[in-house]
N, C-alpha and C. Protein backbone atom coordinates (compact mmCIF):
# COMPACT_ATOMS: atom_id res chain seq x y z
N MET A 1 -2.33 40.13 282.36
CA MET A 1 -3.23 39.08 281.13
C MET A 1 -4.68 38.53 281.41
N ALA A 2 -5.28 39.13 280.34
CA ALA A 2 -6.62 38.75 280.75
C ALA A 2 -6.92 37.27 280.42
N ALA A 3 -8.04 36.86 281.18
CA ALA A 3 -8.77 35.58 281.46
C ALA A 3 -9.36 35.52 280.30
N ALA A 4 -9.55 34.28 279.62
CA ALA A 4 -10.62 34.16 278.62
C ALA A 4 -11.77 33.27 279.81
N TYR A 5 -12.94 33.71 279.15
CA TYR A 5 -13.85 33.06 280.07
C TYR A 5 -14.92 32.08 278.77
N THR A 6 -15.91 30.78 279.38
CA THR A 6 -16.55 30.51 278.25
C THR A 6 -17.95 31.49 278.09
N LEU A 7 -18.14 31.34 277.21
CA LEU A 7 -19.51 32.07 276.81
C LEU A 7 -20.53 30.75 276.43
N THR A 8 -21.69 31.09 277.62
CA THR A 8 -22.91 30.11 276.72
C THR A 8 -24.17 30.36 276.42
N GLY A 9 -24.73 30.52 275.39
CA GLY A 9 -25.97 31.48 274.61
C GLY A 9 -25.58 33.31 275.41
N GLY A 10 -24.27 33.63 274.58
CA GLY A 10 -23.62 34.72 274.58
C GLY A 10 -23.50 35.51 276.29
N GLN A 11 -23.69 34.61 277.05
CA GLN A 11 -23.52 34.83 278.63
C GLN A 11 -21.81 34.41 279.26
N ASN A 12 -21.51 35.19 279.91
CA ASN A 12 -20.07 34.42 280.87
C ASN A 12 -20.49 33.63 281.85
N THR A 13 -19.78 32.55 281.60
CA THR A 13 -20.07 31.64 282.66
C THR A 13 -19.30 31.73 284.12
N GLY A 14 -18.44 32.05 283.98
CA GLY A 14 -17.42 32.37 284.71
C GLY A 14 -16.41 31.51 284.92
N ILE A 15 -16.84 30.35 284.59
CA ILE A 15 -15.76 29.88 284.60
C ILE A 15 -14.34 29.68 283.06
N PRO A 16 -13.26 29.83 283.27
CA PRO A 16 -11.89 29.77 282.25
C PRO A 16 -12.20 28.73 281.22
N GLU A 17 -11.87 29.09 280.01
CA GLU A 17 -12.16 28.79 278.73
C GLU A 17 -10.81 27.28 279.03
N GLY A 18 -11.03 26.16 278.63
CA GLY A 18 -9.54 25.67 278.64
C GLY A 18 -9.00 25.11 277.07
N ASP A 19 -8.18 24.75 276.90
CA ASP A 19 -7.35 24.18 276.26
C ASP A 19 -6.34 22.85 275.70
N ALA A 20 -6.85 22.08 277.33
CA ALA A 20 -5.92 20.83 277.38
C ALA A 20 -6.72 20.00 276.66
N LEU A 21 -7.74 19.82 276.13
CA LEU A 21 -8.57 18.66 275.37
C LEU A 21 -8.15 18.83 274.07
N ASN A 22 -8.50 17.60 273.03
CA ASN A 22 -8.56 17.58 271.89
C ASN A 22 -9.49 16.38 271.72
N GLY A 23 -10.46 16.38 270.88
CA GLY A 23 -10.92 15.74 270.55
C GLY A 23 -11.02 14.67 268.95
N GLY A 24 -9.76 14.43 268.26
CA GLY A 24 -9.14 13.75 267.92
C GLY A 24 -10.44 13.93 266.10
N MET A 25 -10.13 12.30 265.62
CA MET A 25 -10.46 12.24 264.50
C MET A 25 -12.04 12.70 264.31
N GLN A 26 -12.85 12.35 265.95
CA GLN A 26 -14.55 12.46 265.41
C GLN A 26 -14.04 13.86 265.73
N SER A 27 -13.65 14.83 265.77
CA SER A 27 -14.35 16.23 266.14
C SER A 27 -13.52 16.61 264.47
N ALA A 28 -13.26 16.14 263.72
CA ALA A 28 -12.28 16.58 262.54
C ALA A 28 -13.48 16.75 261.19
N GLY A 29 -14.68 15.43 261.63
CA GLY A 29 -15.65 15.42 260.73
C GLY A 29 -17.12 15.03 260.85
N ASP A 30 -17.77 14.84 260.32
CA ASP A 30 -19.27 14.56 260.90
C ASP A 30 -19.50 13.19 260.56
N VAL A 31 -20.66 12.48 261.90
CA VAL A 31 -20.96 11.49 261.93
C VAL A 31 -22.25 11.43 261.89
N GLY A 32 -22.97 10.56 260.96
CA GLY A 32 -24.47 10.64 260.49
C GLY A 32 -25.06 9.27 260.29
N TYR A 33 -26.19 9.19 260.74
CA TYR A 33 -27.20 8.11 260.23
C TYR A 33 -28.53 9.00 259.56
N GLU A 34 -28.96 8.43 258.40
CA GLU A 34 -29.97 8.59 257.71
C GLU A 34 -30.88 7.68 257.60
N HIS A 35 -31.15 7.07 258.68
CA HIS A 35 -32.52 6.07 259.07
C HIS A 35 -33.05 6.10 259.75
N ALA A 36 -33.23 7.24 260.69
CA ALA A 36 -33.69 7.67 261.74
C ALA A 36 -35.23 7.38 261.62
N GLN A 37 -36.10 6.93 262.93
CA GLN A 37 -37.42 7.17 262.95
C GLN A 37 -38.11 7.69 263.93
N VAL A 38 -39.25 8.32 263.99
CA VAL A 38 -39.67 9.36 264.99
C VAL A 38 -40.15 8.21 266.05
N GLY A 39 -40.00 7.91 267.16
CA GLY A 39 -40.18 8.17 268.57
C GLY A 39 -39.15 6.82 268.82
N GLU A 40 -38.10 6.85 267.72
CA GLU A 40 -37.14 5.56 268.47
C GLU A 40 -36.25 6.59 269.07
N GLU A 41 -34.94 5.96 269.63
CA GLU A 41 -34.16 6.58 270.75
C GLU A 41 -32.77 5.49 270.11
N TYR A 42 -31.82 6.30 270.12
CA TYR A 42 -30.27 6.11 270.13
C TYR A 42 -29.48 7.14 270.71
N TRP A 43 -28.29 6.51 270.72
CA TRP A 43 -26.95 7.08 271.41
C TRP A 43 -26.38 7.61 270.41
N ALA A 44 -25.95 9.10 271.17
CA ALA A 44 -25.19 9.55 270.10
C ALA A 44 -23.51 10.14 271.19
N GLY A 45 -22.71 9.48 270.38
CA GLY A 45 -21.53 9.84 271.24
C GLY A 45 -20.40 10.99 270.71
N LEU A 46 -20.02 11.58 271.77
CA LEU A 46 -19.31 12.79 271.54
C LEU A 46 -18.16 12.30 271.54
N PRO A 47 -17.25 13.38 270.81
CA PRO A 47 -15.74 12.75 270.70
C PRO A 47 -14.60 12.44 272.24
N LEU A 48 -14.27 11.42 271.88
CA LEU A 48 -13.48 10.76 272.57
C LEU A 48 -12.23 11.86 273.17
N PRO A 49 -12.22 11.87 274.51
CA PRO A 49 -11.56 13.63 274.94
C PRO A 49 -9.85 12.95 274.88
N TRP A 50 -8.96 13.63 274.22
CA TRP A 50 -7.31 12.96 274.49
C TRP A 50 -7.12 14.49 275.84
N ASN A 51 -6.27 14.25 276.69
CA ASN A 51 -5.48 14.98 276.79
C ASN A 51 -4.28 15.89 276.71
N GLU A 52 -4.10 16.72 275.91
CA GLU A 52 -3.01 17.16 275.19
C GLU A 52 -1.88 17.92 276.11
N SER A 53 -2.48 18.53 277.17
CA SER A 53 -1.64 18.88 278.31
C SER A 53 -0.45 18.12 279.44
N GLY A 54 0.27 18.72 279.83
CA GLY A 54 1.38 17.93 280.87
C GLY A 54 0.74 17.74 281.76
N LYS A 55 -0.31 17.64 282.28
CA LYS A 55 -0.94 17.79 283.83
C LYS A 55 -2.16 16.60 283.27
N ASP A 56 -2.43 15.90 284.64
CA ASP A 56 -3.39 14.78 284.29
C ASP A 56 -5.08 16.59 284.59
N ILE A 57 -6.10 15.66 283.92
CA ILE A 57 -7.14 16.22 284.16
C ILE A 57 -8.41 15.18 285.05
N GLN A 58 -9.51 15.96 284.67
CA GLN A 58 -10.77 15.00 286.12
C GLN A 58 -11.93 15.60 284.93
N ILE A 59 -12.49 14.92 284.05
CA ILE A 59 -13.40 15.37 283.15
C ILE A 59 -14.68 15.25 284.39
N THR A 60 -15.60 16.16 284.05
CA THR A 60 -16.35 16.15 285.22
C THR A 60 -18.00 15.92 284.38
N ARG A 61 -18.46 16.47 283.46
CA ARG A 61 -19.11 16.41 282.24
C ARG A 61 -19.15 16.94 281.16
N ALA A 62 -19.78 16.52 280.07
CA ALA A 62 -19.82 16.65 278.81
C ALA A 62 -21.31 16.65 278.39
N LYS A 63 -21.64 17.62 277.17
CA LYS A 63 -22.92 17.75 276.37
C LYS A 63 -22.50 17.80 275.06
N PHE A 64 -23.93 17.88 274.21
CA PHE A 64 -23.83 18.58 273.34
C PHE A 64 -24.52 20.48 273.31
N THR A 65 -24.02 21.27 272.62
CA THR A 65 -24.25 22.20 272.70
C THR A 65 -25.32 23.12 272.23
N HIS A 66 -25.72 22.24 271.02
CA HIS A 66 -26.62 22.82 270.03
C HIS A 66 -27.47 20.79 269.70
N VAL A 67 -28.61 21.22 269.85
CA VAL A 67 -30.01 20.24 270.09
C VAL A 67 -30.66 20.81 268.57
N PRO A 68 -30.73 20.14 267.53
CA PRO A 68 -31.84 20.44 266.63
C PRO A 68 -33.32 20.11 267.01
N LYS A 69 -34.42 20.80 266.30
CA LYS A 69 -35.60 20.71 266.65
C LYS A 69 -35.61 19.34 265.94
N GLY A 70 -36.52 18.50 266.22
CA GLY A 70 -36.37 17.05 265.76
C GLY A 70 -36.19 16.14 266.61
N LEU A 71 -35.14 16.49 267.68
CA LEU A 71 -34.36 15.57 268.25
C LEU A 71 -34.32 16.05 269.62
N LYS A 72 -34.25 15.52 270.81
CA LYS A 72 -34.37 15.53 272.26
C LYS A 72 -33.44 14.68 272.96
N VAL A 73 -33.01 15.52 273.78
CA VAL A 73 -32.06 14.83 274.43
C VAL A 73 -32.58 14.03 276.07
N ILE A 74 -32.86 13.17 276.34
CA ILE A 74 -32.86 12.24 277.64
C ILE A 74 -32.22 12.22 278.71
N GLU A 75 -30.77 12.26 278.17
CA GLU A 75 -30.02 11.94 279.48
C GLU A 75 -28.44 12.15 278.75
N TYR A 76 -27.63 12.15 279.36
CA TYR A 76 -26.07 11.81 279.03
C TYR A 76 -25.28 10.53 279.77
N ARG A 77 -24.28 9.80 279.24
CA ARG A 77 -24.13 8.65 280.07
C ARG A 77 -22.45 9.06 279.92
N ALA A 78 -21.82 8.10 280.48
CA ALA A 78 -20.58 7.99 279.85
C ALA A 78 -20.05 6.38 280.07
N PHE A 79 -19.44 6.14 279.30
CA PHE A 79 -19.24 4.77 279.38
C PHE A 79 -17.82 4.22 278.87
N ASN A 80 -17.27 3.25 280.16
CA ASN A 80 -15.48 2.89 279.32
C ASN A 80 -15.61 1.95 278.07
N GLY A 81 -14.77 2.74 277.14
CA GLY A 81 -14.44 1.95 275.65
C GLY A 81 -14.18 0.57 276.27
N ASP A 82 -13.69 -0.14 277.32
CA ASP A 82 -13.17 -1.52 277.20
C ASP A 82 -14.52 -2.31 277.68
N ASP A 83 -15.08 -1.65 278.27
CA ASP A 83 -16.55 -2.49 278.33
C ASP A 83 -17.70 -2.62 277.54
N THR A 84 -17.37 -1.45 276.36
CA THR A 84 -18.32 -1.35 275.36
C THR A 84 -17.62 -2.35 273.82
N ASP A 85 -16.47 -2.03 273.97
CA ASP A 85 -15.63 -2.64 272.38
C ASP A 85 -15.30 -1.59 271.84
N GLY A 86 -15.06 -0.06 272.38
CA GLY A 86 -14.81 0.63 271.55
C GLY A 86 -15.79 1.84 272.05
N ASN A 87 -15.21 3.02 271.81
CA ASN A 87 -16.35 3.97 272.08
C ASN A 87 -17.38 4.01 270.54
N VAL A 88 -18.68 4.47 271.23
CA VAL A 88 -20.00 4.52 269.95
C VAL A 88 -19.68 5.48 269.47
N LEU A 89 -19.77 5.81 268.31
CA LEU A 89 -20.32 7.02 267.56
C LEU A 89 -21.68 7.34 267.31
N PHE A 90 -22.55 6.10 266.86
CA PHE A 90 -24.25 6.23 267.16
C PHE A 90 -24.58 5.18 266.88
N ALA A 91 -25.76 4.30 267.96
CA ALA A 91 -26.30 3.44 267.60
C ALA A 91 -27.73 2.98 267.95
N ARG A 92 -28.29 2.27 267.96
CA ARG A 92 -29.95 2.29 268.73
C ARG A 92 -29.21 2.22 269.84
N THR A 93 -30.89 2.28 270.43
CA THR A 93 -30.60 1.61 271.69
C THR A 93 -31.32 0.74 272.61
N ASP A 94 -31.79 -0.08 271.42
CA ASP A 94 -32.23 -1.19 271.65
C ASP A 94 -31.49 -2.39 271.70
N GLY A 95 -30.39 -2.35 271.27
CA GLY A 95 -29.39 -3.15 271.46
C GLY A 95 -29.51 -3.84 269.76
N LYS A 96 -30.32 -3.61 268.93
CA LYS A 96 -30.04 -4.14 267.34
C LYS A 96 -28.78 -3.64 266.65
N GLY A 97 -28.45 -4.28 265.79
CA GLY A 97 -27.08 -3.93 265.36
C GLY A 97 -25.61 -4.19 265.73
N SER A 98 -24.78 -3.02 265.48
CA SER A 98 -23.33 -4.14 266.16
C SER A 98 -23.32 -4.01 267.56
N VAL A 99 -23.80 -2.92 268.10
CA VAL A 99 -23.89 -2.66 269.54
C VAL A 99 -24.49 -3.18 270.53
N GLY A 100 -23.96 -3.50 271.27
CA GLY A 100 -24.87 -4.59 272.64
C GLY A 100 -26.06 -3.28 273.21
N ASP A 101 -26.32 -4.21 274.38
CA ASP A 101 -27.50 -3.31 275.29
C ASP A 101 -26.69 -2.44 276.09
N LEU A 102 -26.50 -1.04 275.94
CA LEU A 102 -25.59 -0.50 276.87
C LEU A 102 -26.52 0.23 278.36
N PHE A 103 -27.84 -0.06 277.89
CA PHE A 103 -28.26 0.03 279.43
C PHE A 103 -27.63 -0.83 280.43
N LYS A 104 -26.65 -1.81 279.96
CA LYS A 104 -26.29 -2.80 281.04
C LYS A 104 -24.87 -2.65 281.22
N ALA A 105 -24.34 -1.74 280.22
CA ALA A 105 -23.20 -1.02 281.30
C ALA A 105 -22.93 -0.06 282.46
N ARG A 106 -21.72 -0.41 282.97
CA ARG A 106 -21.21 1.10 283.49
C ARG A 106 -22.01 1.90 283.57
N ASN A 107 -22.50 3.08 284.34
CA ASN A 107 -22.71 4.38 283.54
C ASN A 107 -21.67 5.51 284.68
N TYR A 108 -21.10 6.02 284.11
CA TYR A 108 -19.66 6.78 284.91
C TYR A 108 -20.31 8.12 284.73
N ALA A 109 -21.04 8.71 284.01
CA ALA A 109 -21.52 9.99 284.48
C ALA A 109 -21.63 10.51 286.01
N GLY A 110 -21.42 11.73 285.87
CA GLY A 110 -21.72 11.96 288.14
C GLY A 110 -20.16 11.77 288.54
N HIS A 111 -19.60 11.03 288.14
CA HIS A 111 -18.40 10.75 288.77
C HIS A 111 -17.02 11.22 287.89
N PRO A 112 -16.01 12.21 288.68
CA PRO A 112 -14.89 12.11 288.05
C PRO A 112 -14.18 11.58 287.00
N MET A 113 -13.82 11.43 285.95
CA MET A 113 -12.84 10.79 285.25
C MET A 113 -11.45 11.61 285.07
N THR A 114 -10.59 10.85 285.63
CA THR A 114 -9.50 11.12 285.59
C THR A 114 -8.41 10.90 283.92
N VAL A 115 -8.29 11.82 283.42
CA VAL A 115 -7.14 11.63 282.04
C VAL A 115 -5.94 11.88 281.99
N LYS A 116 -4.95 10.98 282.15
CA LYS A 116 -3.24 11.32 282.43
C LYS A 116 -3.25 12.55 281.35
N ALA A 117 -2.06 12.85 281.45
CA ALA A 117 -1.31 14.09 280.77
C ALA A 117 -1.02 13.63 279.80
N LYS A 118 -1.01 13.79 278.60
CA LYS A 118 -0.40 13.13 277.34
C LYS A 118 -1.34 11.89 277.14
N THR A 119 -2.59 11.61 277.22
CA THR A 119 -2.94 10.49 276.81
C THR A 119 -4.93 10.29 276.43
N GLY A 120 -5.20 9.56 275.77
CA GLY A 120 -6.79 9.85 275.60
C GLY A 120 -7.16 9.04 276.75
N SER A 121 -8.63 9.64 276.89
CA SER A 121 -9.02 8.69 277.82
C SER A 121 -10.15 7.69 277.44
N HIS A 122 -10.24 6.54 278.18
CA HIS A 122 -11.15 5.48 278.40
C HIS A 122 -12.55 5.89 278.34
N VAL A 123 -12.64 6.81 279.03
CA VAL A 123 -14.40 6.35 278.74
C VAL A 123 -14.72 7.96 278.13
N TYR A 124 -15.85 7.46 277.38
CA TYR A 124 -16.14 8.66 276.31
C TYR A 124 -17.77 8.56 276.94
N TYR A 125 -18.61 9.98 276.42
CA TYR A 125 -19.92 10.42 276.70
C TYR A 125 -20.48 10.29 275.76
N VAL A 126 -21.34 10.00 275.77
CA VAL A 126 -22.76 9.79 274.81
C VAL A 126 -23.83 10.79 275.37
N ALA A 127 -25.08 10.85 274.04
CA ALA A 127 -26.27 11.39 274.99
C ALA A 127 -27.04 10.48 274.19
N ARG A 128 -28.14 10.27 275.24
CA ARG A 128 -29.26 9.18 274.74
C ARG A 128 -30.31 10.20 273.81
N VAL A 129 -30.70 10.27 272.60
CA VAL A 129 -31.86 11.05 272.09
C VAL A 129 -32.30 10.74 271.53
N LYS A 130 -34.15 11.21 271.48
CA LYS A 130 -35.03 10.82 270.97
C LYS A 130 -35.34 11.74 269.84
N VAL A 131 -36.04 10.86 269.04
CA VAL A 131 -36.58 11.45 267.29
C VAL A 131 -37.67 11.83 267.90
N THR A 132 -37.90 13.11 267.32
CA THR A 132 -39.63 13.73 267.83
C THR A 132 -40.17 14.18 266.32
N GLY A 133 -39.14 14.38 265.64
CA GLY A 133 -40.34 14.87 264.25
C GLY A 133 -39.06 15.20 263.38
N PRO A 134 -38.99 15.42 262.17
CA PRO A 134 -38.27 15.90 260.87
C PRO A 134 -36.90 16.78 261.63
N ILE A 135 -36.04 16.23 261.14
CA ILE A 135 -34.54 17.05 261.80
C ILE A 135 -33.72 17.88 260.48
N HIS A 136 -33.40 19.24 260.72
CA HIS A 136 -33.14 19.08 259.13
C HIS A 136 -31.79 20.49 259.55
N ASP A 137 -30.96 19.97 261.18
CA ASP A 137 -29.90 20.28 261.30
C ASP A 137 -29.06 19.28 261.98
N ASN A 138 -27.86 19.60 262.08
CA ASN A 138 -27.09 18.60 263.13
C ASN A 138 -26.75 18.73 264.77
N LEU A 139 -26.72 17.71 265.27
CA LEU A 139 -26.35 17.66 266.73
C LEU A 139 -24.81 18.33 266.65
N SER A 140 -24.06 19.28 267.37
CA SER A 140 -22.81 19.76 267.02
C SER A 140 -22.69 20.86 268.41
N GLY A 141 -21.59 21.04 268.49
CA GLY A 141 -21.12 21.78 269.41
C GLY A 141 -20.98 20.99 270.76
N CYS A 142 -19.64 20.35 271.28
CA CYS A 142 -19.25 19.18 272.60
C CYS A 142 -18.40 20.24 273.51
N SER A 143 -19.30 20.23 274.64
CA SER A 143 -18.54 21.23 275.44
C SER A 143 -18.93 20.11 276.75
N TYR A 144 -17.15 20.22 276.84
CA TYR A 144 -16.61 19.69 278.24
C TYR A 144 -16.41 20.61 279.61
N TRP A 145 -16.49 19.81 280.68
CA TRP A 145 -15.89 20.56 282.01
C TRP A 145 -14.73 19.45 282.48
N TYR A 146 -14.15 20.21 282.49
CA TYR A 146 -13.08 19.40 283.80
C TYR A 146 -12.01 20.31 284.72
N ARG A 147 -11.54 19.81 285.73
CA ARG A 147 -10.62 19.95 286.98
C ARG A 147 -9.18 20.16 286.27
N GLN A 148 -8.24 20.78 286.65
CA GLN A 148 -7.10 20.50 286.59
C GLN A 148 -6.79 21.15 287.62
N GLY A 149 -5.99 20.25 288.71
CA GLY A 149 -5.91 20.72 289.61
C GLY A 149 -6.57 21.40 290.18
N SER A 150 -6.81 22.51 290.82
CA SER A 150 -8.01 23.20 291.97
C SER A 150 -8.61 24.08 291.14
N THR A 151 -8.90 24.37 289.62
CA THR A 151 -9.32 25.06 288.60
C THR A 151 -10.20 24.42 287.67
N GLU A 152 -11.47 24.91 287.68
CA GLU A 152 -12.46 24.39 286.58
C GLU A 152 -12.34 24.77 285.34
N PHE A 153 -12.41 23.98 284.02
CA PHE A 153 -12.33 24.45 282.59
C PHE A 153 -13.84 24.10 282.19
N GLN A 154 -13.91 25.15 281.14
CA GLN A 154 -15.05 24.30 280.40
C GLN A 154 -14.27 24.85 278.77
N GLN A 155 -14.41 23.70 278.03
CA GLN A 155 -13.59 23.57 276.32
C GLN A 155 -14.94 23.58 276.08
N GLN A 156 -14.84 23.93 274.62
CA GLN A 156 -15.67 23.44 273.53
C GLN A 156 -14.44 22.71 272.29
N LEU A 157 -15.62 21.61 271.95
CA LEU A 157 -14.93 20.85 271.03
C LEU A 157 -15.70 20.58 269.57
N ASP A 158 -14.71 20.76 268.42
CA ASP A 158 -16.02 20.59 267.35
C ASP A 158 -16.45 19.21 267.02
N CYS A 159 -17.83 19.20 266.89
CA CYS A 159 -18.43 18.11 266.80
C CYS A 159 -19.51 17.90 266.03
N SER A 160 -20.07 16.99 265.13
CA SER A 160 -21.05 17.22 264.48
C SER A 160 -21.82 16.08 263.95
N THR A 161 -23.07 15.69 264.41
CA THR A 161 -23.36 14.04 264.13
C THR A 161 -24.76 14.56 263.45
N ILE A 162 -25.07 14.43 262.31
CA ILE A 162 -25.99 14.37 261.21
C ILE A 162 -27.02 13.17 261.95
N VAL A 163 -28.07 13.42 261.82
CA VAL A 163 -29.32 12.40 262.18
C VAL A 163 -30.51 13.15 260.85
N ARG A 164 -30.88 11.95 260.23
CA ARG A 164 -31.89 12.37 259.15
C ARG A 164 -32.66 11.24 259.26
N LEU A 165 -34.24 11.91 259.24
CA LEU A 165 -35.16 10.48 258.82
C LEU A 165 -34.95 9.52 257.49
N GLY A 166 -35.12 8.52 257.34
CA GLY A 166 -34.98 7.72 256.38
C GLY A 166 -35.57 6.26 256.30
N LYS A 167 -35.55 5.77 255.28
CA LYS A 167 -36.07 3.93 255.10
C LYS A 167 -35.52 3.20 256.47
N PRO A 168 -36.19 2.75 257.18
CA PRO A 168 -35.55 2.27 258.43
C PRO A 168 -34.91 0.71 257.81
N LEU A 169 -33.91 0.89 258.62
CA LEU A 169 -32.53 -0.78 258.44
C LEU A 169 -33.57 -1.86 258.91
N LYS A 170 -33.01 -3.45 258.36
CA LYS A 170 -33.21 -4.16 259.19
C LYS A 170 -32.36 -4.59 259.41
N TYR A 171 -32.88 -5.45 260.48
CA TYR A 171 -31.62 -6.38 261.38
C TYR A 171 -32.19 -7.81 261.38
N GLU A 172 -31.10 -8.73 261.33
CA GLU A 172 -31.13 -10.29 261.76
C GLU A 172 -31.39 -10.33 262.77
N GLY A 173 -32.26 -11.66 262.95
CA GLY A 173 -32.29 -11.81 264.43
C GLY A 173 -33.12 -11.31 265.34
């Protein structure tokens, strides 16, 4: 039986391609924000991972595999949805709007997060992105790295976040 290995940029990474994860509804459609401003920063959420396998996994990291011209990823963070009143799909980093100041929330990135068999993760990943100019393509392709037993896997989940320049929104307060 031949093993499948993940390809990144057409190159074999040597990490087996996994199939334990599902991205749920967030992998089935687009998330969007059409009021972005050049110079501002936003949190862009990756799909909340669900472990569909019969064994626990430990997620070690996640990232967007396609970042369009006009956006720059500053960093990736991981938050517990219990600490942030759910998982963030897209939000301003300045705390304006319905999402509070995520800079004050505990960052779990860099620490393996266990997801029990047949359950969803409580921890979700976000990218802090900065708008550097016009954006004509979507943030897309969400890659997750995880261990199951002693084997490390990489798995791609569908995801698409539309970010476009537009008229700024006004916030109360």
